[in-house]
Amino acid sequence: MTGWTHHLIIAPILIPLVAAAALVFFDERKRTLKALISVSAALLSFVVALALFRAASMDAAFQGAYLLGNWASPFGIVLVVDRLSALMLLLTSVLGVACLIYSLARWHAVGAHFHTMFQLLLMGVNGAFLTGDLFNLFVFFEVMLAASYGLLLHGSGSLRVKTGLHYIAINLAAALLFLIGVSLIYGSAGTLNMADLAARIPELTPDRRMLMEAGAGVLGVAFLIKAGMWPLCFWLPSAYSAASAPVAGMFAILSKLGIYVILRLTMLLFGEGPSAGFGASVLLYGGVATLIFGTIGVLASQALGRLAGFSVLVSSGTLLMITGINNGAVSSGALLYLVSSTLTIGAFFMLIELVERGQDAGAAVLAVTMEAFGDADEDEPEEGDGVTMPGTMAILGMCFAACAILLSGLPPLSGFIAKFAMLTALMGAGAQGETPSADIWALIVLIIVSGIAALISLTRAGIRTFWSSIEGTVPRVLVIEVVPVMCLLALTLVLTVRAGPAMEYMDTTIRTLSNPVNYIEAVRNAVVKPGVDPAPEKPEEAR
């Protein structure tokens, strides 16, 4: 990237930061103006992310480094964009625009500073995807967490406050672990620049390498909390289900932020050399445990919100397990699964609120309980030709069915393609001509069973919601609410139709990550702009 396009790298951070700062100066009574500024900033961020993604898709070895303050790496702050970070930026911007538009129906007006906190959340997430050093990763992580605290509590309510306090306490502990891990790494390696750290690890003495790996382990725990790995995930289903619909939809990307950082550091720092494979077994077995726990939670959940929360754990468990395997072909399918599951879960959280408007949640749970104990009334035949399902319920029903197909991994949508790609690669993960080992077959069965569990649970929930004998009212749904849900689901259809180019992009991305030399050289060779002195000397007369 050359010329003015080089500055696009910092735009995903700068745009929401400026928008958040501007929104503070407007009174809450000017909600229309604040909404206009916020949506405009989100749309502009989407355009920038799309431009970066387009540039990445046109160059297999795409690497862009941006030196803030014109300080050379590793002494200054550096932002790095490659194929993986460009993909995550685009995914964040798409989800952000959809959730923000959905909130304009009513949620942005039920509390103060919603748009400011939303823009700060986008800034923190985008910065975490772009930063090239661990300290600024901590800074953006804190910005993201601070904004998420306010957004989770947005709308008040005793349940939201209770789960919000749990969320704050756990994530403050994660931030403390993050800081401890970063300190240990800096004390042992003498740098926090990721590219410089990757180059220094082979040169570390065994005692310093051990201290660095201890710091990386503590740092990994912080991001495994955010990713939701068992047993660090008990807070997640309750917190996500208690959040307002647009906030919960946006939170779908936060667990993927933890996955992103773990994947980035694993491939960059521990992909080869003396520390190769560090933490892989923890990710593998932790991912398996998370997948099992999430599957059990999906089967046991009666409330749709908790079902969606446990679906996040199923997604995280699958991705952590694949990261622990460290197989390129399997990881390519996992990247497609990451995109598909994030879009689906984000749409599902928003859809749940629309669906539950037309029913009494307590009555739905009561119906399940009565049937479990055999106390449900027998269905009696009714006279007449039946009742036509209202158009609103028909649209919501189709969206619900699409979410069920995607989360279950059934054909023909992108959830099936992603799981098929992972399973096919797993079956060929052994030596050529050999059948997969028993461990590989166990992982394959576990992924399939998790999809069957999601199908059973979502089918049961759909029957209770749309075919239940307990009468409910047709929900009043605004166009501005249902369109974002339909657009997110439509994007999964685009992934299905364009599965070939999508998988090609994922394959190239994993191959690039597997060769960290390109990343290291891009950062080290970032050119300081001539004629710009970051620390000019004082003139003689001023000395």
Protein backbone atom coordinates (compact mmCIF):
# COMPACT_ATOMS: atom_id res chain seq x y z
CA MET A 1 0.00 0.00 0.00
CA THR A 2 1.47 3.31 -1.10
CA GLY A 3 0.50 6.97 -1.07
CA TRP A 4 -2.61 8.06 0.75
CA THR A 5 -3.97 4.49 0.82
CA HIS A 6 -1.27 3.67 3.36
CA HIS A 7 -3.16 5.76 5.91
CA LEU A 8 -6.22 3.52 5.59
CA ILE A 9 -4.50 1.18 8.07
CA ILE A 10 -5.10 3.56 10.98
CA ALA A 11 -8.59 4.59 9.84
CA PRO A 12 -10.49 1.69 11.55
CA ILE A 13 -9.15 3.02 14.87
CA LEU A 14 -9.32 6.72 14.13
CA ILE A 15 -12.89 6.84 12.76
CA PRO A 16 -14.69 5.35 15.82
CA LEU A 17 -12.38 7.29 18.17
CA VAL A 18 -13.27 10.64 16.59
CA ALA A 19 -16.95 9.70 16.43
CA ALA A 20 -17.00 8.69 20.12
CA ALA A 21 -15.30 11.93 21.13
CA ALA A 22 -17.74 14.02 19.07
CA LEU A 23 -20.79 12.21 20.47
CA VAL A 24 -19.87 13.14 24.05
CA PHE A 25 -20.60 16.80 23.34
CA PHE A 26 -24.23 16.22 22.31
CA ASP A 27 -27.06 15.98 24.80
CA GLU A 28 -29.05 12.75 25.00
CA ARG A 29 -32.13 14.61 23.78
CA LYS A 30 -30.46 14.91 20.37
CA ARG A 31 -30.70 11.19 19.77
CA THR A 32 -31.39 11.51 16.05
CA LEU A 33 -28.21 13.51 15.48
CA LYS A 34 -26.15 11.13 17.62
CA ALA A 35 -27.57 8.15 15.75
CA LEU A 36 -26.74 9.78 12.42
CA ILE A 37 -23.13 10.40 13.46
CA SER A 38 -22.74 6.90 14.86
CA VAL A 39 -24.21 5.11 11.85
CA SER A 40 -22.20 7.28 9.45
CA ALA A 41 -18.99 6.42 11.31
CA ALA A 42 -19.86 2.71 11.27
CA LEU A 43 -20.59 2.80 7.53
CA LEU A 44 -17.33 4.66 6.87
CA SER A 45 -15.44 2.05 8.91
CA PHE A 46 -17.10 -0.63 6.80
CA VAL A 47 -15.96 1.06 3.59
CA VAL A 48 -12.38 1.26 4.89
CA ALA A 49 -12.43 -2.37 6.06
CA LEU A 50 -13.77 -3.42 2.66
CA ALA A 51 -10.95 -1.54 0.92
CA LEU A 52 -8.33 -3.24 3.12
CA PHE A 53 -9.95 -6.63 2.53
CA ARG A 54 -10.00 -6.03 -1.21
CA ALA A 55 -6.29 -5.13 -1.15
CA ALA A 56 -5.54 -8.27 0.88
CA SER A 57 -7.53 -10.51 -1.45
CA MET A 58 -5.62 -9.26 -4.50
CA ASP A 59 -2.16 -10.03 -3.05
CA ALA A 60 -1.35 -13.41 -1.53
CA ALA A 61 1.60 -11.98 0.40
CA PHE A 62 -0.22 -8.82 1.50
CA GLN A 63 1.43 -7.18 4.54
CA GLY A 64 1.07 -3.54 5.51
CA ALA A 65 2.86 -1.83 8.42
CA TYR A 66 2.00 1.67 9.68
CA LEU A 67 4.52 3.48 11.90
CA LEU A 68 2.75 5.84 14.29
CA GLY A 69 4.75 8.96 14.99
CA ASN A 70 7.18 7.87 12.26
CA TRP A 71 9.23 5.92 14.82
CA ALA A 72 11.04 2.91 13.42
CA SER A 73 10.09 -0.55 14.63
CA PRO A 74 10.54 -1.96 17.26
CA PHE A 75 10.92 1.33 19.19
CA GLY A 76 7.64 2.89 18.11
CA ILE A 77 4.02 1.84 17.87
CA VAL A 78 3.31 -0.17 14.75
CA LEU A 79 0.01 -1.24 13.23
CA VAL A 80 0.06 -4.27 10.94
CA VAL A 81 -2.61 -5.42 8.53
CA ASP A 82 -2.46 -8.75 6.73
CA ARG A 83 -5.01 -11.13 5.27
CA LEU A 84 -6.20 -12.36 8.69
CA SER A 85 -6.57 -8.95 10.31
CA ALA A 86 -8.27 -7.56 7.18
CA LEU A 87 -10.79 -10.41 7.36
CA MET A 88 -11.49 -9.76 11.04
CA LEU A 89 -11.84 -6.01 10.45
CA LEU A 90 -14.43 -6.62 7.74
CA LEU A 91 -16.32 -9.10 9.94
CA THR A 92 -16.35 -6.60 12.83
CA SER A 93 -17.57 -3.74 10.66
CA VAL A 94 -20.35 -5.82 9.11
CA LEU A 95 -21.57 -6.98 12.50
CA GLY A 96 -21.22 -3.46 13.91
CA VAL A 97 -23.34 -1.85 11.21
CA ALA A 98 -26.06 -4.50 11.56
CA CYS A 99 -26.24 -4.27 15.36
CA LEU A 100 -26.13 -0.48 15.34
CA ILE A 101 -29.00 -0.20 12.85
CA TYR A 102 -31.00 -2.73 14.87
CA SER A 103 -30.51 -0.64 18.02
CA LEU A 104 -32.09 2.43 16.41
CA ALA A 105 -35.54 0.88 16.83
CA ARG A 106 -35.46 1.42 20.61
CA TRP A 107 -32.36 0.22 22.43
CA HIS A 108 -30.18 3.26 21.77
CA ALA A 109 -32.72 5.42 23.64
CA VAL A 110 -33.11 3.38 26.86
CA GLY A 111 -29.86 4.64 28.42
CA ALA A 112 -27.18 7.28 28.19
CA HIS A 113 -24.12 7.31 25.92
CA PHE A 114 -25.02 4.15 24.00
CA HIS A 115 -23.48 5.35 20.74
CA THR A 116 -20.31 6.60 22.44
CA MET A 117 -19.72 3.25 24.12
CA PHE A 118 -20.53 1.38 20.91
CA GLN A 119 -17.94 3.37 18.95
CA LEU A 120 -15.32 2.85 21.67
CA LEU A 121 -16.04 -0.89 21.53
CA LEU A 122 -15.44 -0.85 17.77
CA MET A 123 -12.24 1.13 18.29
CA GLY A 124 -10.93 -1.35 20.87
CA VAL A 125 -11.73 -4.39 18.76
CA ASN A 126 -10.28 -2.91 15.57
CA GLY A 127 -7.16 -1.80 17.41
CA ALA A 128 -6.64 -5.28 18.85
CA PHE A 129 -6.82 -6.74 15.35
CA LEU A 130 -4.32 -4.22 13.97
CA THR A 131 -1.74 -3.72 16.69
CA GLY A 132 1.72 -5.14 16.22
CA ASP A 133 2.89 -5.12 19.84
CA LEU A 134 1.63 -6.68 23.07
CA PHE A 135 1.49 -3.50 25.14
CA ASN A 136 -0.88 -1.74 22.76
CA LEU A 137 -2.83 -4.98 22.52
CA PHE A 138 -3.35 -4.54 26.26
CA VAL A 139 -4.40 -0.90 25.73
CA PHE A 140 -6.98 -1.75 23.08
CA PHE A 141 -8.12 -4.73 25.13
CA GLU A 142 -8.84 -2.39 28.05
CA VAL A 143 -10.69 0.10 25.83
CA MET A 144 -12.82 -2.72 24.49
CA LEU A 145 -13.54 -4.07 27.99
CA ALA A 146 -14.41 -0.65 29.43
CA ALA A 147 -16.93 -0.05 26.65
CA SER A 148 -18.37 -3.57 27.00
CA TYR A 149 -19.01 -3.00 30.72
CA GLY A 150 -21.26 -0.04 29.96
CA LEU A 151 -22.97 -1.76 27.04
CA LEU A 152 -23.74 -4.90 29.05
CA LEU A 153 -25.40 -2.77 31.77
CA HIS A 154 -27.24 -0.67 29.18
CA GLY A 155 -30.97 -0.85 29.83
CA SER A 156 -30.56 -1.65 33.56
CA GLY A 157 -32.67 -4.39 35.19
CA SER A 158 -31.68 -6.56 38.15
CA LEU A 159 -30.61 -9.56 36.05
CA ARG A 160 -28.50 -7.39 33.77
CA VAL A 161 -26.83 -5.70 36.74
CA LYS A 162 -26.13 -9.03 38.47
CA THR A 163 -24.56 -10.68 35.43
CA GLY A 164 -22.83 -7.41 34.56
CA LEU A 165 -21.03 -7.33 37.91
CA HIS A 166 -19.88 -10.92 37.39
CA TYR A 167 -18.68 -9.99 33.89
CA ILE A 168 -16.76 -6.98 35.19
CA ALA A 169 -15.07 -8.92 38.02
CA ILE A 170 -13.96 -11.78 35.75
CA ASN A 171 -12.66 -9.52 33.01
CA LEU A 172 -10.79 -7.33 35.49
CA ALA A 173 -9.03 -10.50 36.66
CA ALA A 174 -8.27 -11.33 33.01
CA ALA A 175 -6.82 -7.85 32.52
CA LEU A 176 -4.58 -8.34 35.57
CA LEU A 177 -3.33 -11.64 34.17
CA PHE A 178 -2.75 -9.93 30.84
CA LEU A 179 -0.55 -7.31 32.49
CA ILE A 180 1.42 -9.92 34.45
CA GLY A 181 2.01 -11.97 31.31
CA VAL A 182 3.17 -8.94 29.32
CA SER A 183 5.56 -7.96 32.13
CA LEU A 184 7.11 -11.43 32.23
CA ILE A 185 7.58 -11.48 28.46
CA TYR A 186 9.21 -8.05 28.45
CA GLY A 187 11.45 -8.95 31.36
CA SER A 188 12.72 -12.06 29.63
CA ALA A 189 12.86 -10.99 25.96
CA GLY A 190 13.34 -7.23 26.25
CA THR A 191 10.69 -6.37 23.67
CA LEU A 192 6.92 -6.40 23.22
CA ASN A 193 6.90 -5.91 19.46
CA MET A 194 5.46 -9.16 18.09
CA ALA A 195 7.73 -9.33 15.05
CA ASP A 196 10.83 -8.49 17.08
CA LEU A 197 9.78 -10.99 19.76
CA ALA A 198 9.39 -13.75 17.16
CA ALA A 199 12.91 -13.03 15.90
CA ARG A 200 14.44 -12.99 19.40
CA ILE A 201 12.92 -16.20 20.78
CA PRO A 202 15.45 -18.54 19.08
CA GLU A 203 18.28 -16.47 20.59
CA LEU A 204 17.03 -16.65 24.19
CA THR A 205 18.91 -18.74 26.71
CA PRO A 206 16.99 -21.70 28.15
CA ASP A 207 16.27 -19.96 31.48
CA ARG A 208 14.98 -16.80 29.78
CA ARG A 209 12.98 -18.86 27.31
CA MET A 210 11.31 -20.65 30.20
CA LEU A 211 10.38 -17.30 31.78
CA MET A 212 9.07 -16.04 28.44
CA GLU A 213 6.93 -19.17 28.01
CA ALA A 214 5.57 -18.70 31.54
CA GLY A 215 4.56 -15.15 30.59
CA ALA A 216 2.99 -16.38 27.37
CA GLY A 217 1.03 -18.97 29.37
CA VAL A 218 -0.32 -16.32 31.77
CA LEU A 219 -1.15 -14.09 28.80
CA GLY A 220 -2.90 -17.02 27.13
CA VAL A 221 -5.14 -17.56 30.17
CA ALA A 222 -6.38 -13.98 29.85
CA PHE A 223 -7.46 -14.55 26.25
CA LEU A 224 -8.83 -18.00 26.95
CA ILE A 225 -11.16 -16.34 29.47
CA LYS A 226 -12.36 -14.01 26.73
CA ALA A 227 -12.60 -16.88 24.23
CA GLY A 228 -14.66 -18.88 26.75
CA MET A 229 -12.56 -22.01 27.20
CA TRP A 230 -13.73 -24.46 29.85
CA PRO A 231 -13.46 -24.10 32.87
CA LEU A 232 -13.12 -20.33 32.41
CA CYS A 233 -16.43 -19.93 30.59
CA PHE A 234 -19.18 -20.18 33.22
CA TRP A 235 -19.83 -16.44 33.06
CA LEU A 236 -20.41 -16.28 29.31
CA PRO A 237 -23.90 -17.78 28.71
CA SER A 238 -25.48 -15.73 31.50
CA ALA A 239 -23.76 -12.49 30.52
CA TYR A 240 -24.52 -12.76 26.80
CA SER A 241 -28.14 -13.79 27.33
CA ALA A 242 -28.74 -10.90 29.77
CA ALA A 243 -27.39 -8.22 27.43
CA SER A 244 -29.70 -6.26 25.16
CA ALA A 245 -30.17 -7.79 21.72
CA PRO A 246 -27.84 -5.50 19.69
CA VAL A 247 -25.16 -5.66 22.38
CA ALA A 248 -25.32 -9.46 22.58
CA GLY A 249 -25.09 -9.60 18.79
CA MET A 250 -21.98 -7.43 18.87
CA PHE A 251 -20.49 -9.50 21.71
CA ALA A 252 -20.37 -12.44 19.28
CA ILE A 253 -17.14 -10.95 17.90
CA LEU A 254 -15.52 -10.56 21.35
CA SER A 255 -15.03 -14.28 21.90
CA LYS A 256 -13.50 -14.44 18.41
CA LEU A 257 -11.05 -11.72 19.45
CA GLY A 258 -9.62 -14.15 22.00
CA ILE A 259 -9.40 -16.84 19.31
CA TYR A 260 -7.68 -14.38 16.94
CA VAL A 261 -4.97 -13.40 19.44
CA ILE A 262 -4.28 -17.03 20.36
CA LEU A 263 -4.05 -18.02 16.70
CA ARG A 264 -1.83 -15.04 15.87
CA LEU A 265 0.63 -15.61 18.72
CA THR A 266 0.66 -19.38 18.26
CA MET A 267 1.54 -19.16 14.57
CA LEU A 268 3.94 -16.22 14.94
CA LEU A 269 5.84 -17.06 18.14
CA PHE A 270 5.43 -20.81 18.57
CA GLY A 271 5.03 -22.10 15.04
CA GLU A 272 8.68 -23.08 14.70
CA GLY A 273 11.95 -22.89 16.58
CA PRO A 274 12.80 -24.05 20.11
CA SER A 275 9.35 -23.16 21.49
CA ALA A 276 7.41 -24.78 18.64
CA GLY A 277 4.14 -26.35 19.75
CA PHE A 278 4.03 -24.50 23.08
CA GLY A 279 0.52 -24.71 24.54
CA ALA A 280 -0.88 -26.80 21.68
CA SER A 281 -2.03 -29.64 23.95
CA VAL A 282 -3.76 -27.18 26.29
CA LEU A 283 -5.67 -25.70 23.36
CA LEU A 284 -6.57 -29.14 22.02
CA TYR A 285 -7.87 -30.67 25.24
CA GLY A 286 -9.32 -27.39 26.48
CA GLY A 287 -11.17 -27.02 23.18
CA VAL A 288 -12.52 -30.56 23.46
CA ALA A 289 -13.74 -29.89 27.02
CA THR A 290 -15.32 -26.60 25.93
CA LEU A 291 -17.06 -28.28 23.00
CA ILE A 292 -18.47 -31.00 25.26
CA PHE A 293 -19.61 -28.47 27.87
CA GLY A 294 -21.20 -26.24 25.22
CA THR A 295 -22.97 -29.20 23.62
CA ILE A 296 -24.45 -30.28 26.95
CA GLY A 297 -25.51 -26.69 27.63
CA VAL A 298 -27.20 -26.42 24.24
CA LEU A 299 -29.18 -29.61 24.90
CA ALA A 300 -30.15 -28.53 28.41
CA SER A 301 -31.16 -24.94 27.58
CA GLN A 302 -34.85 -24.08 27.45
CA ALA A 303 -34.48 -20.30 27.13
CA LEU A 304 -33.40 -19.15 23.70
CA GLY A 305 -30.92 -16.63 25.11
CA ARG A 306 -28.97 -19.27 27.01
CA LEU A 307 -29.12 -21.56 23.99
CA ALA A 308 -27.40 -18.84 21.96
CA GLY A 309 -24.86 -18.31 24.74
CA PHE A 310 -23.92 -21.99 24.78
CA SER A 311 -23.72 -21.90 20.98
CA VAL A 312 -20.92 -19.36 21.40
CA LEU A 313 -19.08 -21.92 23.55
CA VAL A 314 -19.60 -24.63 20.93
CA SER A 315 -18.07 -22.32 18.33
CA SER A 316 -15.16 -21.35 20.60
CA GLY A 317 -14.49 -24.96 21.57
CA THR A 318 -14.35 -26.06 17.96
CA LEU A 319 -11.95 -23.27 17.00
CA LEU A 320 -9.68 -23.81 20.01
CA MET A 321 -9.55 -27.53 19.29
CA ILE A 322 -8.58 -26.92 15.66
CA THR A 323 -5.94 -24.38 16.70
CA GLY A 324 -4.42 -27.00 19.00
CA ILE A 325 -4.22 -29.51 16.14
CA ASN A 326 -2.16 -26.98 14.11
CA ASN A 327 -2.94 -28.45 10.71
CA GLY A 328 -3.10 -25.99 7.82
CA ALA A 329 -5.93 -27.63 5.86
CA VAL A 330 -8.08 -28.02 8.97
CA SER A 331 -7.38 -24.43 10.03
CA SER A 332 -8.59 -23.13 6.65
CA GLY A 333 -12.00 -24.69 7.21
CA ALA A 334 -11.95 -23.35 10.78
CA LEU A 335 -11.49 -19.78 9.50
CA LEU A 336 -14.57 -20.16 7.30
CA TYR A 337 -16.41 -21.63 10.29
CA LEU A 338 -15.34 -18.62 12.38
CA VAL A 339 -16.86 -16.19 9.90
CA SER A 340 -20.05 -18.21 9.39
CA SER A 341 -20.68 -18.86 13.09
CA THR A 342 -20.04 -15.23 14.06
CA LEU A 343 -22.54 -13.91 11.52
CA THR A 344 -25.09 -16.57 12.51
CA ILE A 345 -24.81 -16.08 16.28
CA GLY A 346 -24.94 -12.29 15.90
CA ALA A 347 -28.15 -12.60 13.86
CA PHE A 348 -29.55 -15.21 16.27
CA PHE A 349 -29.17 -12.97 19.34
CA MET A 350 -31.11 -10.20 17.63
CA LEU A 351 -33.70 -12.62 16.26
CA ILE A 352 -34.40 -14.02 19.74
CA GLU A 353 -35.73 -10.69 20.98
CA LEU A 354 -38.09 -10.38 18.02
CA VAL A 355 -39.38 -13.92 18.44
CA GLU A 356 -39.93 -13.62 22.19
CA ARG A 357 -42.06 -10.51 21.83
CA GLY A 358 -44.91 -12.67 20.64
CA GLN A 359 -44.92 -15.12 23.51
CA ASP A 360 -44.84 -15.32 27.24
CA ALA A 361 -41.37 -16.70 28.05
CA GLY A 362 -42.65 -18.11 31.32
CA ALA A 363 -45.44 -19.94 29.52
CA ALA A 364 -42.96 -21.46 27.06
CA VAL A 365 -40.79 -22.82 29.86
CA LEU A 366 -43.91 -24.07 31.65
CA ALA A 367 -44.98 -25.94 28.52
CA VAL A 368 -41.64 -27.73 28.31
CA THR A 369 -41.80 -28.64 32.00
CA MET A 370 -45.39 -29.92 31.79
CA GLU A 371 -44.58 -32.15 28.85
CA ALA A 372 -41.49 -33.49 30.61
CA PHE A 373 -43.67 -34.64 33.49
CA GLY A 374 -46.45 -35.93 31.25
CA ASP A 375 -48.96 -33.26 32.33
CA ALA A 376 -49.48 -31.61 28.97
CA ASP A 377 -52.99 -31.62 27.54
CA GLU A 378 -53.65 -33.83 24.56
CA ASP A 379 -54.12 -31.96 21.35
CA GLU A 380 -57.76 -31.86 20.29
CA PRO A 381 -58.77 -31.68 16.65
CA GLU A 382 -60.17 -28.34 15.66
CA GLU A 383 -62.82 -27.65 13.10
CA GLY A 384 -62.21 -25.52 10.09
CA ASP A 385 -59.43 -25.15 7.59
CA GLY A 386 -56.82 -23.96 10.09
CA VAL A 387 -55.20 -20.59 10.68
CA THR A 388 -52.73 -19.00 8.31
CA MET A 389 -49.44 -18.01 9.91
CA PRO A 390 -49.09 -14.19 9.90
CA GLY A 391 -46.49 -12.72 7.59
CA THR A 392 -44.33 -11.47 10.46
CA MET A 393 -44.15 -14.90 12.04
CA ALA A 394 -43.44 -16.46 8.66
CA ILE A 395 -40.42 -14.18 8.14
CA LEU A 396 -39.17 -14.77 11.68
CA GLY A 397 -39.73 -18.50 11.24
CA MET A 398 -37.63 -18.60 8.08
CA CYS A 399 -34.84 -16.66 9.78
CA PHE A 400 -35.01 -19.04 12.75
CA ALA A 401 -34.83 -22.04 10.43
CA ALA A 402 -31.79 -20.55 8.68
CA CYS A 403 -30.06 -20.05 12.04
CA ALA A 404 -30.87 -23.65 13.00
CA ILE A 405 -29.44 -24.99 9.72
CA LEU A 406 -26.28 -22.87 10.06
CA LEU A 407 -25.59 -23.68 13.72
CA SER A 408 -26.28 -27.38 13.14
CA GLY A 409 -24.01 -27.54 10.11
CA LEU A 410 -26.67 -28.92 7.78
CA PRO A 411 -26.50 -28.48 4.00
CA PRO A 412 -26.63 -26.41 1.95
CA LEU A 413 -25.50 -23.28 3.82
CA SER A 414 -22.03 -22.12 4.83
CA GLY A 415 -22.10 -23.86 8.22
CA PHE A 416 -22.15 -27.21 6.42
CA ILE A 417 -19.39 -26.20 3.99
CA ALA A 418 -17.12 -25.06 6.84
CA LYS A 419 -17.67 -28.23 8.89
CA PHE A 420 -17.30 -30.42 5.80
CA ALA A 421 -13.98 -28.73 5.03
CA MET A 422 -12.76 -29.30 8.60
CA LEU A 423 -13.92 -32.93 8.73
CA THR A 424 -12.45 -33.76 5.32
CA ALA A 425 -9.10 -32.28 6.33
CA LEU A 426 -9.21 -34.12 9.67
CA MET A 427 -9.74 -37.44 7.90
CA GLY A 428 -6.66 -36.75 5.80
CA ALA A 429 -4.59 -35.43 8.70
CA GLY A 430 -2.63 -38.67 9.18
CA ALA A 431 0.11 -40.04 7.04
CA GLN A 432 -0.70 -40.54 3.39
CA GLY A 433 -2.51 -43.79 2.78
CA GLU A 434 -3.20 -44.40 6.48
CA THR A 435 -6.60 -44.31 8.11
CA PRO A 436 -7.17 -41.60 10.73
CA SER A 437 -6.17 -42.48 14.28
CA ALA A 438 -8.68 -43.12 17.06
CA ASP A 439 -8.05 -39.62 18.43
CA ILE A 440 -8.91 -38.02 15.10
CA TRP A 441 -12.06 -40.11 14.82
CA ALA A 442 -13.04 -38.98 18.32
CA LEU A 443 -12.71 -35.34 17.28
CA ILE A 444 -14.73 -35.95 14.13
CA VAL A 445 -17.51 -37.66 16.11
CA LEU A 446 -17.50 -34.82 18.65
CA ILE A 447 -17.97 -32.16 15.95
CA ILE A 448 -20.81 -34.16 14.37
CA VAL A 449 -22.50 -34.76 17.74
CA SER A 450 -22.34 -31.05 18.58
CA GLY A 451 -24.21 -30.32 15.34
CA ILE A 452 -26.84 -32.97 16.10
CA ALA A 453 -27.30 -31.51 19.59
CA ALA A 454 -27.80 -28.04 18.12
CA LEU A 455 -30.34 -29.44 15.65
CA ILE A 456 -32.32 -31.19 18.41
CA SER A 457 -32.34 -28.16 20.70
CA LEU A 458 -33.19 -25.63 18.00
CA THR A 459 -35.91 -27.87 16.54
CA ARG A 460 -37.46 -28.20 20.00
CA ALA A 461 -37.24 -24.43 20.53
CA GLY A 462 -38.74 -23.75 17.11
CA ILE A 463 -41.68 -26.03 17.77
CA ARG A 464 -42.34 -24.34 21.11
CA THR A 465 -42.06 -20.90 19.57
CA PHE A 466 -43.93 -21.23 16.31
CA TRP A 467 -46.19 -24.30 16.69
CA SER A 468 -46.93 -24.20 20.42
CA SER A 469 -50.51 -24.72 21.53
CA ILE A 470 -50.10 -21.90 24.04
CA GLU A 471 -51.54 -18.87 22.34
CA GLY A 472 -49.35 -15.87 21.79
CA THR A 473 -49.63 -12.54 20.07
CA VAL A 474 -47.98 -11.71 16.77
CA PRO A 475 -44.94 -9.58 17.64
CA ARG A 476 -44.73 -6.03 16.39
CA VAL A 477 -41.50 -5.99 14.39
CA LEU A 478 -40.11 -2.93 12.65
CA VAL A 479 -38.38 -3.13 9.31
CA ILE A 480 -35.27 -1.58 10.83
CA GLU A 481 -35.08 -4.57 13.19
CA VAL A 482 -35.66 -7.49 10.85
CA VAL A 483 -33.55 -6.21 7.94
CA PRO A 484 -30.19 -6.40 9.81
CA VAL A 485 -30.98 -9.99 10.80
CA MET A 486 -31.86 -10.92 7.23
CA CYS A 487 -28.75 -9.19 5.88
CA LEU A 488 -26.42 -11.13 8.20
CA LEU A 489 -28.08 -14.39 7.19
CA ALA A 490 -27.89 -13.34 3.54
CA LEU A 491 -24.13 -12.97 3.92
CA THR A 492 -23.92 -16.61 4.96
CA LEU A 493 -25.74 -17.40 1.71
CA VAL A 494 -23.09 -15.39 -0.15
CA LEU A 495 -20.43 -17.48 1.61
CA THR A 496 -22.25 -20.57 0.38
CA VAL A 497 -22.46 -19.43 -3.23
CA ARG A 498 -18.89 -18.14 -3.21
CA ALA A 499 -17.48 -21.03 -1.17
CA GLY A 500 -14.66 -21.67 -3.66
CA PRO A 501 -13.10 -18.18 -3.53
CA ALA A 502 -13.78 -18.01 0.23
CA MET A 503 -11.89 -21.24 0.89
CA GLU A 504 -9.09 -20.12 -1.42
CA TYR A 505 -8.76 -16.92 0.65
CA MET A 506 -8.70 -18.93 3.88
CA ASP A 507 -6.10 -21.38 2.51
CA THR A 508 -3.81 -18.55 1.45
CA THR A 509 -4.28 -16.82 4.81
CA ILE A 510 -3.24 -19.92 6.75
CA ARG A 511 -0.22 -20.46 4.50
CA THR A 512 0.83 -16.86 5.12
CA LEU A 513 0.45 -17.27 8.88
CA SER A 514 2.48 -20.48 8.75
CA ASN A 515 5.39 -18.51 7.32
CA PRO A 516 6.02 -15.78 9.94
CA VAL A 517 9.08 -14.51 8.08
CA ASN A 518 6.83 -12.39 5.85
CA TYR A 519 5.22 -10.73 8.87
CA ILE A 520 8.57 -10.12 10.57
CA GLU A 521 10.15 -8.63 7.45
CA ALA A 522 7.13 -6.41 6.76
CA VAL A 523 7.43 -4.84 10.22
CA ARG A 524 11.22 -4.60 10.24
CA ASN A 525 11.37 -3.12 6.75
CA ALA A 526 8.62 -0.55 7.33
CA VAL A 527 10.04 2.65 5.88
CA VAL A 528 10.29 5.77 8.01
CA LYS A 529 8.97 8.70 5.99
CA PRO A 530 11.81 11.02 4.93
CA GLY A 531 11.74 14.60 6.10
CA VAL A 532 9.70 13.79 9.20
CA ASP A 533 11.72 13.78 12.42
CA PRO A 534 9.78 12.24 15.31
CA ALA A 535 12.05 13.97 17.84
CA PRO A 536 13.55 17.10 16.23
CA GLU A 537 16.50 18.70 17.94
CA LYS A 538 16.11 22.15 19.45
CA PRO A 539 17.69 24.99 17.47
CA GLU A 540 21.00 26.36 18.70
CA GLU A 541 19.50 29.63 20.02
CA ALA A 542 17.00 27.65 22.13
CA ARG A 543 19.69 25.52 23.83
